[in-house]
Amino acid sequence: MSLETFENQFPGRDYEIEIVCPEFTAVCPKTGQPDFGTITIRYVPDTRCIELKSLKMYLQAYRDRGIFYENSINVILDDLVAACEPRRMTVIGQFTPRGGISSQITVYHEAASSSSPG
């Protein structure tokens, strides 16, 4: 599933976009049990913004994928950065408790150079 983007109408301004996806599911590769979580994406766009329908379809593709929490959040960050090349991005995965333990994974990206005005 490819992630689509659209042109940022305010590329000269730093502003943050927050997207919350409360119905993320994947499969634990060790147990085969479903994992449930909320994915929060925060980013400062440069020239491109993430199109939400394609993001929804992209995240739904994880439903049958065997992947650890840590791996899924890092892969999601890498794929989103490749698609829209943001100035900054944070992806947080807050996973529901399993066996009395909950996990939150947070990953970050910051562009080497920003195109925002000085």
PDB file of N, CA and C in Angstrom:
ATOM      1  N   MET A   1       0.856  -1.179   0.000  1.00  0.00           N
ATOM      2  CA  MET A   1       0.000   0.000   0.000  1.00  0.00           C
ATOM      3  C   MET A   1       0.899   1.238   0.000  1.00  0.00           C
ATOM      4  N   SER A   2       0.662   2.134  -0.939  1.00  0.00           N
ATOM      5  CA  SER A   2       1.479   3.339  -1.011  1.00  0.00           C
ATOM      6  C   SER A   2       0.820   4.479  -0.235  1.00  0.00           C
ATOM      7  N   LEU A   3       1.656   5.299   0.332  1.00  0.00           N
ATOM      8  CA  LEU A   3       1.193   6.488   1.048  1.00  0.00           C
ATOM      9  C   LEU A   3       1.150   7.654   0.071  1.00  0.00           C
ATOM     10  N   GLU A   4       0.012   8.310  -0.012  1.00  0.00           N
ATOM     11  CA  GLU A   4      -0.127   9.459  -0.897  1.00  0.00           C
ATOM     12  C   GLU A   4       0.079  10.737  -0.095  1.00  0.00           C
ATOM     13  N   THR A   5       0.481  11.781  -0.797  1.00  0.00           N
ATOM     14  CA  THR A   5       0.686  13.083  -0.181  1.00  0.00           C
ATOM     15  C   THR A   5       0.027  14.153  -1.039  1.00  0.00           C
ATOM     16  N   PHE A   6      -0.038  15.354  -0.485  1.00  0.00           N
ATOM     17  CA  PHE A   6      -0.512  16.500  -1.255  1.00  0.00           C
ATOM     18  C   PHE A   6       0.361  17.699  -0.895  1.00  0.00           C
ATOM     19  N   GLU A   7       0.328  18.705  -1.744  1.00  0.00           N
ATOM     20  CA  GLU A   7       1.185  19.880  -1.572  1.00  0.00           C
ATOM     21  C   GLU A   7       0.797  20.674  -0.329  1.00  0.00           C
ATOM     22  N   ASN A   8       1.793  20.996   0.483  1.00  0.00           N
ATOM     23  CA  ASN A   8       1.603  21.854   1.647  1.00  0.00           C
ATOM     24  C   ASN A   8       1.337  23.281   1.148  1.00  0.00           C
ATOM     25  N   GLN A   9       0.213  23.857   1.514  1.00  0.00           N
ATOM     26  CA  GLN A   9      -0.151  25.202   1.081  1.00  0.00           C
ATOM     27  C   GLN A   9       0.573  26.300   1.860  1.00  0.00           C
ATOM     28  N   PHE A  10       1.284  25.934   2.947  1.00  0.00           N
ATOM     29  CA  PHE A  10       1.995  26.907   3.777  1.00  0.00           C
ATOM     30  C   PHE A  10       3.422  26.443   4.056  1.00  0.00           C
ATOM     31  N   PRO A  11       4.238  26.206   3.016  1.00  0.00           N
ATOM     32  CA  PRO A  11       5.575  25.665   3.222  1.00  0.00           C
ATOM     33  C   PRO A  11       6.542  26.617   3.934  1.00  0.00           C
ATOM     34  N   GLY A  12       6.217  27.892   3.987  1.00  0.00           N
ATOM     35  CA  GLY A  12       7.086  28.845   4.669  1.00  0.00           C
ATOM     36  C   GLY A  12       6.812  28.958   6.158  1.00  0.00           C
ATOM     37  N   ARG A  13       5.861  28.196   6.662  1.00  0.00           N
ATOM     38  CA  ARG A  13       5.458  28.278   8.070  1.00  0.00           C
ATOM     39  C   ARG A  13       5.643  26.929   8.748  1.00  0.00           C
ATOM     40  N   ASP A  14       6.232  26.951   9.940  1.00  0.00           N
ATOM     41  CA  ASP A  14       6.273  25.743  10.766  1.00  0.00           C
ATOM     42  C   ASP A  14       4.938  25.603  11.482  1.00  0.00           C
ATOM     43  N   TYR A  15       4.257  24.500  11.259  1.00  0.00           N
ATOM     44  CA  TYR A  15       3.035  24.183  12.004  1.00  0.00           C
ATOM     45  C   TYR A  15       2.991  22.672  12.176  1.00  0.00           C
ATOM     46  N   GLU A  16       2.349  22.233  13.237  1.00  0.00           N
ATOM     47  CA  GLU A  16       2.326  20.805  13.551  1.00  0.00           C
ATOM     48  C   GLU A  16       0.978  20.193  13.200  1.00  0.00           C
ATOM     49  N   ILE A  17       1.036  19.044  12.592  1.00  0.00           N
ATOM     50  CA  ILE A  17      -0.146  18.242  12.297  1.00  0.00           C
ATOM     51  C   ILE A  17      -0.104  17.033  13.227  1.00  0.00           C
ATOM     52  N   GLU A  18      -1.223  16.749  13.887  1.00  0.00           N
ATOM     53  CA  GLU A  18      -1.321  15.566  14.730  1.00  0.00           C
ATOM     54  C   GLU A  18      -2.435  14.684  14.195  1.00  0.00           C
ATOM     55  N   ILE A  19      -2.109  13.422  13.997  1.00  0.00           N
ATOM     56  CA  ILE A  19      -3.060  12.428  13.505  1.00  0.00           C
ATOM     57  C   ILE A  19      -3.107  11.310  14.534  1.00  0.00           C
ATOM     58  N   VAL A  20      -4.308  10.966  14.987  1.00  0.00           N
ATOM     59  CA  VAL A  20      -4.475   9.907  15.975  1.00  0.00           C
ATOM     60  C   VAL A  20      -5.267   8.774  15.322  1.00  0.00           C
ATOM     61  N   CYS A  21      -4.696   7.578  15.377  1.00  0.00           N
ATOM     62  CA  CYS A  21      -5.302   6.391  14.780  1.00  0.00           C
ATOM     63  C   CYS A  21      -5.552   5.381  15.900  1.00  0.00           C
ATOM     64  N   PRO A  22      -6.762   5.387  16.498  1.00  0.00           N
ATOM     65  CA  PRO A  22      -7.016   4.582  17.693  1.00  0.00           C
ATOM     66  C   PRO A  22      -7.335   3.109  17.437  1.00  0.00           C
ATOM     67  N   GLU A  23      -7.330   2.677  16.197  1.00  0.00           N
ATOM     68  CA  GLU A  23      -7.737   1.303  15.896  1.00  0.00           C
ATOM     69  C   GLU A  23      -6.644   0.498  15.205  1.00  0.00           C
ATOM     70  N   PHE A  24      -5.375   0.734  15.558  1.00  0.00           N
ATOM     71  CA  PHE A  24      -4.272   0.002  14.945  1.00  0.00           C
ATOM     72  C   PHE A  24      -4.264  -1.435  15.453  1.00  0.00           C
ATOM     73  N   THR A  25      -4.115  -2.365  14.527  1.00  0.00           N
ATOM     74  CA  THR A  25      -3.981  -3.771  14.897  1.00  0.00           C
ATOM     75  C   THR A  25      -2.878  -4.411  14.072  1.00  0.00           C
ATOM     76  N   ALA A  26      -2.187  -5.338  14.685  1.00  0.00           N
ATOM     77  CA  ALA A  26      -1.177  -6.165  14.027  1.00  0.00           C
ATOM     78  C   ALA A  26      -1.211  -7.516  14.733  1.00  0.00           C
ATOM     79  N   VAL A  27      -0.286  -8.384  14.394  1.00  0.00           N
ATOM     80  CA  VAL A  27      -0.234  -9.717  14.984  1.00  0.00           C
ATOM     81  C   VAL A  27       1.130  -9.914  15.622  1.00  0.00           C
ATOM     82  N   CYS A  28       1.136 -10.417  16.849  1.00  0.00           N
ATOM     83  CA  CYS A  28       2.398 -10.732  17.510  1.00  0.00           C
ATOM     84  C   CYS A  28       3.055 -11.901  16.775  1.00  0.00           C
ATOM     85  N   PRO A  29       4.302 -11.728  16.301  1.00  0.00           N
ATOM     86  CA  PRO A  29       4.934 -12.804  15.537  1.00  0.00           C
ATOM     87  C   PRO A  29       5.316 -14.003  16.415  1.00  0.00           C
ATOM     88  N   LYS A  30       5.369 -13.813  17.704  1.00  0.00           N
ATOM     89  CA  LYS A  30       5.748 -14.901  18.614  1.00  0.00           C
ATOM     90  C   LYS A  30       4.544 -15.748  19.012  1.00  0.00           C
ATOM     91  N   THR A  31       3.409 -15.090  19.322  1.00  0.00           N
ATOM     92  CA  THR A  31       2.237 -15.814  19.821  1.00  0.00           C
ATOM     93  C   THR A  31       1.131 -15.974  18.791  1.00  0.00           C
ATOM     94  N   GLY A  32       1.144 -15.133  17.750  1.00  0.00           N
ATOM     95  CA  GLY A  32       0.066 -15.148  16.773  1.00  0.00           C
ATOM     96  C   GLY A  32      -1.188 -14.437  17.255  1.00  0.00           C
ATOM     97  N   GLN A  33      -1.122 -13.842  18.447  1.00  0.00           N
ATOM     98  CA  GLN A  33      -2.264 -13.125  19.014  1.00  0.00           C
ATOM     99  C   GLN A  33      -2.327 -11.706  18.432  1.00  0.00           C
ATOM    100  N   PRO A  34      -3.534 -11.154  18.361  1.00  0.00           N
ATOM    101  CA  PRO A  34      -3.649  -9.786  17.845  1.00  0.00           C
ATOM    102  C   PRO A  34      -3.116  -8.761  18.849  1.00  0.00           C
ATOM    103  N   ASP A  35      -2.493  -7.734  18.339  1.00  0.00           N
ATOM    104  CA  ASP A  35      -2.041  -6.595  19.135  1.00  0.00           C
ATOM    105  C   ASP A  35      -2.912  -5.409  18.761  1.00  0.00           C
ATOM    106  N   PHE A  36      -3.294  -4.631  19.761  1.00  0.00           N
ATOM    107  CA  PHE A  36      -4.143  -3.457  19.544  1.00  0.00           C
ATOM    108  C   PHE A  36      -3.441  -2.237  20.106  1.00  0.00           C
ATOM    109  N   GLY A  37      -3.581  -1.117  19.423  1.00  0.00           N
ATOM    110  CA  GLY A  37      -2.959   0.093  19.930  1.00  0.00           C
ATOM    111  C   GLY A  37      -3.470   1.343  19.249  1.00  0.00           C
ATOM    112  N   THR A  38      -2.995   2.444  19.775  1.00  0.00           N
ATOM    113  CA  THR A  38      -3.267   3.760  19.205  1.00  0.00           C
ATOM    114  C   THR A  38      -1.962   4.303  18.658  1.00  0.00           C
ATOM    115  N   ILE A  39      -1.978   4.717  17.408  1.00  0.00           N
ATOM    116  CA  ILE A  39      -0.810   5.329  16.775  1.00  0.00           C
ATOM    117  C   ILE A  39      -1.068   6.826  16.699  1.00  0.00           C
ATOM    118  N   THR A  40      -0.133   7.604  17.238  1.00  0.00           N
ATOM    119  CA  THR A  40      -0.202   9.063  17.145  1.00  0.00           C
ATOM    120  C   THR A  40       0.977   9.533  16.312  1.00  0.00           C
ATOM    121  N   ILE A  41       0.667  10.314  15.301  1.00  0.00           N
ATOM    122  CA  ILE A  41       1.684  10.862  14.394  1.00  0.00           C
ATOM    123  C   ILE A  41       1.643  12.373  14.540  1.00  0.00           C
ATOM    124  N   ARG A  42       2.793  12.950  14.858  1.00  0.00           N
ATOM    125  CA  ARG A  42       2.922  14.415  14.919  1.00  0.00           C
ATOM    126  C   ARG A  42       4.053  14.802  13.979  1.00  0.00           C
ATOM    127  N   TYR A  43       3.762  15.779  13.105  1.00  0.00           N
ATOM    128  CA  TYR A  43       4.839  16.193  12.212  1.00  0.00           C
ATOM    129  C   TYR A  43       4.688  17.643  11.787  1.00  0.00           C
ATOM    130  N   VAL A  44       5.819  18.216  11.437  1.00  0.00           N
ATOM    131  CA  VAL A  44       5.887  19.547  10.845  1.00  0.00           C
ATOM    132  C   VAL A  44       6.211  19.315   9.374  1.00  0.00           C
ATOM    133  N   PRO A  45       5.248  19.581   8.483  1.00  0.00           N
ATOM    134  CA  PRO A  45       5.484  19.289   7.069  1.00  0.00           C
ATOM    135  C   PRO A  45       6.484  20.256   6.453  1.00  0.00           C
ATOM    136  N   ASP A  46       7.104  19.805   5.383  1.00  0.00           N
ATOM    137  CA  ASP A  46       7.928  20.696   4.575  1.00  0.00           C
ATOM    138  C   ASP A  46       7.099  21.036   3.339  1.00  0.00           C
ATOM    139  N   THR A  47       7.293  20.344   2.239  1.00  0.00           N
ATOM    140  CA  THR A  47       6.547  20.671   1.023  1.00  0.00           C
ATOM    141  C   THR A  47       5.345  19.755   0.788  1.00  0.00           C
ATOM    142  N   ARG A  48       5.269  18.613   1.521  1.00  0.00           N
ATOM    143  CA  ARG A  48       4.210  17.637   1.307  1.00  0.00           C
ATOM    144  C   ARG A  48       3.525  17.286   2.623  1.00  0.00           C
ATOM    145  N   CYS A  49       2.212  17.014   2.562  1.00  0.00           N
ATOM    146  CA  CYS A  49       1.428  16.549   3.708  1.00  0.00           C
ATOM    147  C   CYS A  49       0.900  15.144   3.397  1.00  0.00           C
ATOM    148  N   ILE A  50       0.643  14.367   4.423  1.00  0.00           N
ATOM    149  CA  ILE A  50       0.131  13.007   4.263  1.00  0.00           C
ATOM    150  C   ILE A  50      -1.372  13.045   3.986  1.00  0.00           C
ATOM    151  N   GLU A  51      -1.783  12.318   2.983  1.00  0.00           N
ATOM    152  CA  GLU A  51      -3.199  12.206   2.650  1.00  0.00           C
ATOM    153  C   GLU A  51      -3.811  11.137   3.559  1.00  0.00           C
ATOM    154  N   LEU A  52      -4.901  11.479   4.252  1.00  0.00           N
ATOM    155  CA  LEU A  52      -5.414  10.637   5.328  1.00  0.00           C
ATOM    156  C   LEU A  52      -6.032   9.314   4.871  1.00  0.00           C
ATOM    157  N   LYS A  53      -6.722   9.280   3.752  1.00  0.00           N
ATOM    158  CA  LYS A  53      -7.305   8.009   3.314  1.00  0.00           C
ATOM    159  C   LYS A  53      -6.214   6.989   3.010  1.00  0.00           C
ATOM    160  N   SER A  54      -5.147   7.411   2.358  1.00  0.00           N
ATOM    161  CA  SER A  54      -4.062   6.473   2.060  1.00  0.00           C
ATOM    162  C   SER A  54      -3.360   6.041   3.351  1.00  0.00           C
ATOM    163  N   LEU A  55      -3.271   6.942   4.335  1.00  0.00           N
ATOM    164  CA  LEU A  55      -2.692   6.570   5.632  1.00  0.00           C
ATOM    165  C   LEU A  55      -3.550   5.502   6.303  1.00  0.00           C
ATOM    166  N   LYS A  56      -4.866   5.678   6.259  1.00  0.00           N
ATOM    167  CA  LYS A  56      -5.778   4.695   6.848  1.00  0.00           C
ATOM    168  C   LYS A  56      -5.589   3.329   6.195  1.00  0.00           C
ATOM    169  N   MET A  57      -5.522   3.295   4.884  1.00  0.00           N
ATOM    170  CA  MET A  57      -5.338   2.028   4.165  1.00  0.00           C
ATOM    171  C   MET A  57      -3.969   1.419   4.472  1.00  0.00           C
ATOM    172  N   TYR A  58      -2.955   2.253   4.557  1.00  0.00           N
ATOM    173  CA  TYR A  58      -1.603   1.798   4.898  1.00  0.00           C
ATOM    174  C   TYR A  58      -1.605   1.128   6.275  1.00  0.00           C
ATOM    175  N   LEU A  59      -2.199   1.778   7.271  1.00  0.00           N
ATOM    176  CA  LEU A  59      -2.210   1.220   8.625  1.00  0.00           C
ATOM    177  C   LEU A  59      -3.070  -0.035   8.702  1.00  0.00           C
ATOM    178  N   GLN A  60      -4.159  -0.092   7.948  1.00  0.00           N
ATOM    179  CA  GLN A  60      -4.996  -1.292   7.952  1.00  0.00           C
ATOM    180  C   GLN A  60      -4.270  -2.508   7.385  1.00  0.00           C
ATOM    181  N   ALA A  61      -3.277  -2.281   6.560  1.00  0.00           N
ATOM    182  CA  ALA A  61      -2.504  -3.386   5.985  1.00  0.00           C
ATOM    183  C   ALA A  61      -1.688  -4.128   7.048  1.00  0.00           C
ATOM    184  N   TYR A  62      -1.540  -3.556   8.235  1.00  0.00           N
ATOM    185  CA  TYR A  62      -0.819  -4.221   9.326  1.00  0.00           C
ATOM    186  C   TYR A  62      -1.673  -5.286  10.021  1.00  0.00           C
ATOM    187  N   ARG A  63      -2.966  -5.317   9.775  1.00  0.00           N
ATOM    188  CA  ARG A  63      -3.883  -6.206  10.505  1.00  0.00           C
ATOM    189  C   ARG A  63      -3.459  -7.664  10.520  1.00  0.00           C
ATOM    190  N   ASP A  64      -2.942  -8.152   9.425  1.00  0.00           N
ATOM    191  CA  ASP A  64      -2.540  -9.560   9.341  1.00  0.00           C
ATOM    192  C   ASP A  64      -1.025  -9.727   9.328  1.00  0.00           C
ATOM    193  N   ARG A  65      -0.314  -8.682   9.650  1.00  0.00           N
ATOM    194  CA  ARG A  65       1.148  -8.710   9.580  1.00  0.00           C
ATOM    195  C   ARG A  65       1.738  -9.081  10.929  1.00  0.00           C
ATOM    196  N   GLY A  66       2.601 -10.074  10.929  1.00  0.00           N
ATOM    197  CA  GLY A  66       3.311 -10.452  12.152  1.00  0.00           C
ATOM    198  C   GLY A  66       4.505  -9.534  12.354  1.00  0.00           C
ATOM    199  N   ILE A  67       4.426  -8.668  13.377  1.00  0.00           N
ATOM    200  CA  ILE A  67       5.485  -7.687  13.596  1.00  0.00           C
ATOM    201  C   ILE A  67       5.472  -7.246  15.062  1.00  0.00           C
ATOM    202  N   PHE A  68       6.645  -7.104  15.644  1.00  0.00           N
ATOM    203  CA  PHE A  68       6.748  -6.638  17.026  1.00  0.00           C
ATOM    204  C   PHE A  68       6.389  -5.155  17.106  1.00  0.00           C
ATOM    205  N   TYR A  69       5.931  -4.718  18.296  1.00  0.00           N
ATOM    206  CA  TYR A  69       5.574  -3.306  18.519  1.00  0.00           C
ATOM    207  C   TYR A  69       6.679  -2.368  18.030  1.00  0.00           C
ATOM    208  N   GLU A  70       7.896  -2.629  18.531  1.00  0.00           N
ATOM    209  CA  GLU A  70       9.027  -1.739  18.247  1.00  0.00           C
ATOM    210  C   GLU A  70       9.285  -1.637  16.747  1.00  0.00           C
ATOM    211  N   ASN A  71       9.204  -2.775  16.080  1.00  0.00           N
ATOM    212  CA  ASN A  71       9.453  -2.784  14.643  1.00  0.00           C
ATOM    213  C   ASN A  71       8.374  -2.020  13.888  1.00  0.00           C
ATOM    214  N   SER A  72       7.103  -2.234  14.278  1.00  0.00           N
ATOM    215  CA  SER A  72       6.024  -1.576  13.544  1.00  0.00           C
ATOM    216  C   SER A  72       6.142  -0.060  13.623  1.00  0.00           C
ATOM    217  N   ILE A  73       6.452   0.477  14.788  1.00  0.00           N
ATOM    218  CA  ILE A  73       6.520   1.934  14.937  1.00  0.00           C
ATOM    219  C   ILE A  73       7.712   2.500  14.167  1.00  0.00           C
ATOM    220  N   ASN A  74       8.837   1.806  14.187  1.00  0.00           N
ATOM    221  CA  ASN A  74       9.993   2.266  13.417  1.00  0.00           C
ATOM    222  C   ASN A  74       9.746   2.189  11.916  1.00  0.00           C
ATOM    223  N   VAL A  75       9.080   1.136  11.446  1.00  0.00           N
ATOM    224  CA  VAL A  75       8.778   1.008  10.018  1.00  0.00           C
ATOM    225  C   VAL A  75       7.779   2.086   9.591  1.00  0.00           C
ATOM    226  N   ILE A  76       6.770   2.332  10.430  1.00  0.00           N
ATOM    227  CA  ILE A  76       5.799   3.380  10.109  1.00  0.00           C
ATOM    228  C   ILE A  76       6.506   4.728   9.978  1.00  0.00           C
ATOM    229  N   LEU A  77       7.381   5.066  10.925  1.00  0.00           N
ATOM    230  CA  LEU A  77       8.135   6.323  10.826  1.00  0.00           C
ATOM    231  C   LEU A  77       8.932   6.368   9.530  1.00  0.00           C
ATOM    232  N   ASP A  78       9.682   5.319   9.231  1.00  0.00           N
ATOM    233  CA  ASP A  78      10.506   5.306   8.012  1.00  0.00           C
ATOM    234  C   ASP A  78       9.659   5.503   6.757  1.00  0.00           C
ATOM    235  N   ASP A  79       8.512   4.817   6.691  1.00  0.00           N
ATOM    236  CA  ASP A  79       7.655   4.926   5.511  1.00  0.00           C
ATOM    237  C   ASP A  79       7.044   6.323   5.385  1.00  0.00           C
ATOM    238  N   LEU A  80       6.611   6.906   6.503  1.00  0.00           N
ATOM    239  CA  LEU A  80       6.024   8.250   6.462  1.00  0.00           C
ATOM    240  C   LEU A  80       7.068   9.300   6.081  1.00  0.00           C
ATOM    241  N   VAL A  81       8.261   9.179   6.635  1.00  0.00           N
ATOM    242  CA  VAL A  81       9.338  10.118   6.294  1.00  0.00           C
ATOM    243  C   VAL A  81       9.677  10.012   4.808  1.00  0.00           C
ATOM    244  N   ALA A  82       9.754   8.798   4.299  1.00  0.00           N
ATOM    245  CA  ALA A  82      10.051   8.614   2.867  1.00  0.00           C
ATOM    246  C   ALA A  82       8.956   9.222   1.993  1.00  0.00           C
ATOM    247  N   ALA A  83       7.706   9.139   2.447  1.00  0.00           N
ATOM    248  CA  ALA A  83       6.591   9.642   1.640  1.00  0.00           C
ATOM    249  C   ALA A  83       6.498  11.161   1.615  1.00  0.00           C
ATOM    250  N   CYS A  84       6.703  11.821   2.766  1.00  0.00           N
ATOM    251  CA  CYS A  84       6.427  13.272   2.791  1.00  0.00           C
ATOM    252  C   CYS A  84       7.618  14.139   3.189  1.00  0.00           C
ATOM    253  N   GLU A  85       8.745  13.547   3.561  1.00  0.00           N
ATOM    254  CA  GLU A  85       9.965  14.285   3.904  1.00  0.00           C
ATOM    255  C   GLU A  85       9.682  15.474   4.822  1.00  0.00           C
ATOM    256  N   PRO A  86       9.150  15.211   6.029  1.00  0.00           N
ATOM    257  CA  PRO A  86       8.801  16.302   6.945  1.00  0.00           C
ATOM    258  C   PRO A  86      10.037  16.947   7.565  1.00  0.00           C
ATOM    259  N   ARG A  87       9.838  18.130   8.121  1.00  0.00           N
ATOM    260  CA  ARG A  87      10.913  18.779   8.863  1.00  0.00           C
ATOM    261  C   ARG A  87      11.191  18.026  10.160  1.00  0.00           C
ATOM    262  N   ARG A  88      10.101  17.636  10.830  1.00  0.00           N
ATOM    263  CA  ARG A  88      10.197  16.855  12.057  1.00  0.00           C
ATOM    264  C   ARG A  88       9.014  15.901  12.107  1.00  0.00           C
ATOM    265  N   MET A  89       9.225  14.749  12.730  1.00  0.00           N
ATOM    266  CA  MET A  89       8.119  13.807  12.896  1.00  0.00           C
ATOM    267  C   MET A  89       8.352  12.953  14.129  1.00  0.00           C
ATOM    268  N   THR A  90       7.267  12.684  14.844  1.00  0.00           N
ATOM    269  CA  THR A  90       7.261  11.766  15.969  1.00  0.00           C
ATOM    270  C   THR A  90       6.128  10.780  15.743  1.00  0.00           C
ATOM    271  N   VAL A  91       6.398   9.505  15.941  1.00  0.00           N
ATOM    272  CA  VAL A  91       5.360   8.481  15.882  1.00  0.00           C
ATOM    273  C   VAL A  91       5.356   7.767  17.224  1.00  0.00           C
ATOM    274  N   ILE A  92       4.175   7.687  17.832  1.00  0.00           N
ATOM    275  CA  ILE A  92       4.012   7.044  19.132  1.00  0.00           C
ATOM    276  C   ILE A  92       3.038   5.889  18.975  1.00  0.00           C
ATOM    277  N   GLY A  93       3.422   4.735  19.460  1.00  0.00           N
ATOM    278  CA  GLY A  93       2.525   3.580  19.516  1.00  0.00           C
ATOM    279  C   GLY A  93       2.219   3.277  20.972  1.00  0.00           C
ATOM    280  N   GLN A  94       0.966   3.447  21.363  1.00  0.00           N
ATOM    281  CA  GLN A  94       0.517   3.117  22.725  1.00  0.00           C
ATOM    282  C   GLN A  94      -0.306   1.840  22.605  1.00  0.00           C
ATOM    283  N   PHE A  95       0.243   0.732  23.091  1.00  0.00           N
ATOM    284  CA  PHE A  95      -0.389  -0.563  22.914  1.00  0.00           C
ATOM    285  C   PHE A  95      -1.137  -0.986  24.169  1.00  0.00           C
ATOM    286  N   THR A  96      -2.283  -1.632  23.965  1.00  0.00           N
ATOM    287  CA  THR A  96      -3.123  -2.043  25.085  1.00  0.00           C
ATOM    288  C   THR A  96      -2.418  -3.133  25.894  1.00  0.00           C
ATOM    289  N   PRO A  97      -2.744  -3.204  27.190  1.00  0.00           N
ATOM    290  CA  PRO A  97      -2.059  -4.178  28.050  1.00  0.00           C
ATOM    291  C   PRO A  97      -2.278  -5.620  27.598  1.00  0.00           C
ATOM    292  N   ARG A  98      -1.230  -6.385  27.772  1.00  0.00           N
ATOM    293  CA  ARG A  98      -1.280  -7.828  27.553  1.00  0.00           C
ATOM    294  C   ARG A  98      -0.542  -8.459  28.723  1.00  0.00           C
ATOM    295  N   GLY A  99      -1.215  -9.315  29.459  1.00  0.00           N
ATOM    296  CA  GLY A  99      -0.589  -9.944  30.623  1.00  0.00           C
ATOM    297  C   GLY A  99      -0.226  -8.933  31.700  1.00  0.00           C
ATOM    298  N   GLY A 100      -0.993  -7.830  31.771  1.00  0.00           N
ATOM    299  CA  GLY A 100      -0.742  -6.821  32.789  1.00  0.00           C
ATOM    300  C   GLY A 100       0.362  -5.837  32.449  1.00  0.00           C
ATOM    301  N   ILE A 101       0.883  -5.888  31.222  1.00  0.00           N
ATOM    302  CA  ILE A 101       1.961  -4.981  30.811  1.00  0.00           C
ATOM    303  C   ILE A 101       1.518  -4.213  29.573  1.00  0.00           C
ATOM    304  N   SER A 102       1.639  -2.879  29.640  1.00  0.00           N
ATOM    305  CA  SER A 102       1.379  -2.070  28.448  1.00  0.00           C
ATOM    306  C   SER A 102       2.700  -1.498  27.961  1.00  0.00           C
ATOM    307  N   SER A 103       2.740  -1.180  26.689  1.00  0.00           N
ATOM    308  CA  SER A 103       3.967  -0.641  26.086  1.00  0.00           C
ATOM    309  C   SER A 103       3.655   0.612  25.301  1.00  0.00           C
ATOM    310  N   GLN A 104       4.587   1.556  25.366  1.00  0.00           N
ATOM    311  CA  GLN A 104       4.535   2.742  24.509  1.00  0.00           C
ATOM    312  C   GLN A 104       5.886   2.870  23.837  1.00  0.00           C
ATOM    313  N   ILE A 105       5.874   2.967  22.526  1.00  0.00           N
ATOM    314  CA  ILE A 105       7.094   3.115  21.738  1.00  0.00           C
ATOM    315  C   ILE A 105       7.018   4.471  21.051  1.00  0.00           C
ATOM    316  N   THR A 106       8.071   5.272  21.179  1.00  0.00           N
ATOM    317  CA  THR A 106       8.134   6.602  20.578  1.00  0.00           C
ATOM    318  C   THR A 106       9.398   6.696  19.736  1.00  0.00           C
ATOM    319  N   VAL A 107       9.244   7.093  18.484  1.00  0.00           N
ATOM    320  CA  VAL A 107      10.391   7.275  17.591  1.00  0.00           C
ATOM    321  C   VAL A 107      10.330   8.670  16.976  1.00  0.00           C
ATOM    322  N   TYR A 108      11.504   9.201  16.639  1.00  0.00           N
ATOM    323  CA  TYR A 108      11.630  10.584  16.181  1.00  0.00           C
ATOM    324  C   TYR A 108      12.414  10.669  14.879  1.00  0.00           C
ATOM    325  N   HIS A 109      12.107  11.713  14.133  1.00  0.00           N
ATOM    326  CA  HIS A 109      12.878  12.070  12.938  1.00  0.00           C
ATOM    327  C   HIS A 109      13.007  13.589  12.909  1.00  0.00           C
ATOM    328  N   GLU A 110      14.182  14.068  12.560  1.00  0.00           N
ATOM    329  CA  GLU A 110      14.402  15.492  12.308  1.00  0.00           C
ATOM    330  C   GLU A 110      15.235  15.621  11.056  1.00  0.00           C
ATOM    331  N   ALA A 111      14.748  16.403  10.103  1.00  0.00           N
ATOM    332  CA  ALA A 111      15.466  16.592   8.842  1.00  0.00           C
ATOM    333  C   ALA A 111      16.824  17.229   9.107  1.00  0.00           C
ATOM    334  N   ALA A 112      17.802  16.843   8.320  1.00  0.00           N
ATOM    335  CA  ALA A 112      19.153  17.373   8.480  1.00  0.00           C
ATOM    336  C   ALA A 112      19.182  18.880   8.274  1.00  0.00           C
ATOM    337  N   SER A 113      18.426  19.353   7.289  1.00  0.00           N
ATOM    338  CA  SER A 113      18.340  20.792   7.070  1.00  0.00           C
ATOM    339  C   SER A 113      16.889  21.134   6.796  1.00  0.00           C
ATOM    340  N   SER A 114      16.469  22.249   7.314  1.00  0.00           N
ATOM    341  CA  SER A 114      15.087  22.653   7.162  1.00  0.00           C
ATOM    342  C   SER A 114      14.989  23.715   6.089  1.00  0.00           C
ATOM    343  N   SER A 115      13.908  23.643   5.305  1.00  0.00           N
ATOM    344  CA  SER A 115      13.713  24.660   4.264  1.00  0.00           C
ATOM    345  C   SER A 115      12.918  25.837   4.765  1.00  0.00           C
ATOM    346  N   SER A 116      12.610  25.844   6.094  1.00  0.00           N
ATOM    347  CA  SER A 116      11.838  26.972   6.624  1.00  0.00           C
ATOM    348  C   SER A 116      12.704  28.224   6.648  1.00  0.00           C
ATOM    349  N   PRO A 117      12.090  29.377   6.495  1.00  0.00           N
ATOM    350  CA  PRO A 117      12.848  30.613   6.480  1.00  0.00           C
ATOM    351  C   PRO A 117      13.503  30.887   7.838  1.00  0.00           C
ATOM    352  N   GLY A 118      14.712  31.505   7.804  1.00  0.00           N
ATOM    353  CA  GLY A 118      15.527  31.765   8.984  1.00  0.00           C
ATOM    354  C   GLY A 118      14.836  32.594   9.966  1.00  0.00           C
TER     355      GLY A 118
END
